[in-house]
Protein backbone atom coordinates (compact mmCIF):
# COMPACT_ATOMS: atom_id res chain seq x y z
CA MET A 1 -0.07 -0.43 -0.14
CA GLU A 2 1.47 3.48 -1.19
CA LEU A 3 1.12 6.17 1.43
CA ARG A 4 0.20 9.14 -0.63
CA TYR A 5 0.21 12.53 1.54
CA ASN A 6 -0.89 15.79 -0.38
CA ILE A 7 1.63 19.15 -1.52
CA PRO A 8 1.39 21.22 1.10
CA GLY A 9 0.56 24.26 -1.18
CA VAL A 10 -1.82 26.71 -2.43
CA ARG A 11 -3.89 24.82 -4.93
CA THR A 12 -3.94 22.10 -1.49
CA ALA A 13 -4.44 25.13 0.91
CA ILE A 14 -7.52 26.45 -1.05
CA GLU A 15 -8.54 22.86 -1.37
CA THR A 16 -9.13 22.41 2.01
CA LEU A 17 -10.85 24.72 2.66
CA ARG A 18 -13.13 24.38 -0.37
CA PRO A 19 -13.63 21.33 -0.67
CA GLY A 20 -15.06 21.39 -4.17
CA ALA A 21 -14.88 25.37 -5.52
CA ARG A 22 -13.56 26.32 -9.07
CA TYR A 23 -10.93 28.95 -8.94
CA GLU A 24 -8.84 30.60 -11.53
CA CYS A 25 -5.72 32.72 -10.30
CA ASN A 26 -3.93 35.03 -11.07
CA GLY A 27 -0.98 35.45 -7.87
CA THR A 28 -2.41 36.36 -5.30
CA VAL A 29 -6.13 37.40 -7.45
CA PHE A 30 -9.35 34.43 -7.90
CA THR A 31 -10.27 36.11 -11.59
CA ALA A 32 -12.77 33.10 -11.46
CA TRP A 33 -14.54 31.71 -8.56
CA ASP A 34 -17.57 29.10 -7.58
CA ASP A 35 -18.30 27.24 -4.76
CA PRO A 36 -20.88 25.10 -4.65
CA GLN A 37 -21.32 25.92 -0.76
CA ARG A 38 -21.87 29.22 -2.08
CA LEU A 39 -18.57 30.28 -0.22
CA GLY A 40 -16.20 32.94 -1.08
CA PRO A 41 -12.63 32.40 -1.55
CA PRO A 42 -11.22 32.92 1.25
CA SER A 43 -8.52 35.23 2.17
CA TRP A 44 -4.64 34.59 1.05
CA ASP A 45 -3.64 35.16 5.05
CA GLU A 46 -6.62 31.91 5.94
CA ILE A 47 -4.22 30.44 2.74
CA GLU A 48 -1.04 30.76 4.04
CA HIS A 49 -1.99 29.82 7.53
CA GLN A 50 -3.19 26.95 6.07
CA ILE A 51 -0.04 26.10 4.10
CA LYS A 52 1.43 26.20 7.34
CA LYS A 53 -0.47 23.01 8.77
CA ASP A 54 -0.04 21.46 5.73
CA ILE A 55 3.91 21.09 5.65
CA GLU A 56 3.67 20.19 9.15
CA VAL A 57 1.62 17.94 9.19
CA TYR A 58 3.59 16.07 5.88
CA ASN A 59 7.35 16.13 7.26
CA HIS A 60 5.51 14.88 10.81
CA TYR A 61 4.41 12.15 8.83
CA LEU A 62 8.62 11.93 6.73
CA TYR A 63 8.45 9.22 9.59
CA ALA A 64 5.64 6.81 7.41
CA ARG A 65 7.47 8.11 3.64
CA ASN A 66 10.54 6.70 5.05
CA ARG A 67 9.51 3.20 6.27
CA GLN A 68 7.57 2.80 3.35
CA LYS A 69 10.63 3.11 1.24
CA ASP A 70 13.20 0.51 3.39
CA TYR A 71 9.51 -2.10 3.77
CA LYS A 72 10.18 -4.74 1.12
CA ASP A 73 7.60 -5.90 -1.11
CA LEU A 74 3.81 -7.30 1.01
CA ALA A 75 5.29 -10.77 -0.84
CA ASP A 76 9.04 -10.86 0.64
CA GLN A 77 7.34 -9.62 3.62
CA LEU A 78 4.23 -12.66 3.66
CA ASP A 79 6.81 -15.76 3.30
CA MET A 80 9.23 -14.72 5.85
CA LEU A 81 6.01 -14.77 8.13
CA TYR A 82 5.43 -17.81 6.64
CA HIS A 83 8.03 -19.13 6.98
CA ASP A 84 7.84 -17.94 10.63
CA ILE A 85 5.33 -19.36 11.46
CA LYS A 86 6.37 -23.48 10.41
CA ASN A 87 9.36 -22.34 12.43
CA ASN A 88 7.35 -21.67 15.13
CA ASN A 89 9.39 -18.75 15.69
CA LEU A 90 6.94 -15.32 15.40
CA GLU A 91 9.18 -13.61 18.73
CA ASN A 92 12.00 -13.67 16.95
CA GLY A 93 11.46 -14.32 12.76
CA SER A 94 13.00 -12.99 10.69
CA TRP A 95 9.83 -10.65 9.55
CA ILE A 96 9.43 -8.88 12.88
CA GLN A 97 13.33 -8.56 12.92
CA HIS A 98 12.83 -7.07 9.98
CA VAL A 99 10.21 -5.08 10.62
CA GLU A 100 11.66 -3.97 14.14
CA GLU A 101 14.93 -3.24 11.73
CA VAL A 102 12.46 0.01 10.01
CA LYS A 103 11.25 1.17 12.64
CA SER A 104 14.07 1.65 14.71
CA LYS A 105 15.75 3.68 11.76
CA HIS A 106 12.56 5.62 10.89
CA PRO A 107 11.04 5.85 14.27
CA LYS A 108 7.61 7.69 15.06
CA PRO A 109 7.74 11.26 16.46
CA GLU A 110 6.16 11.94 18.99
């Protein structure tokens, strides 16, 4: 399973603040705006604030993106787990060691 995170930026912030709105921008000026919720466009202060929040979330989950790169593919992990089960070695088998190694290398922030 691939983790997907919205890349922080103006478009993501507007989509978060006004889901479903259609718009066009020229710099910091909205040249067209259509919102099914009938809300006006967000202010640039709101957009900048949302971008900062989005960056914090994106950076927080860096550990998860790094883990994803280091985990073996699912078929290999299932094979490791199968052999660990057959060898009655779930406590310290190759699969658990692999997972522990990746989690240790990329700890979850507090």
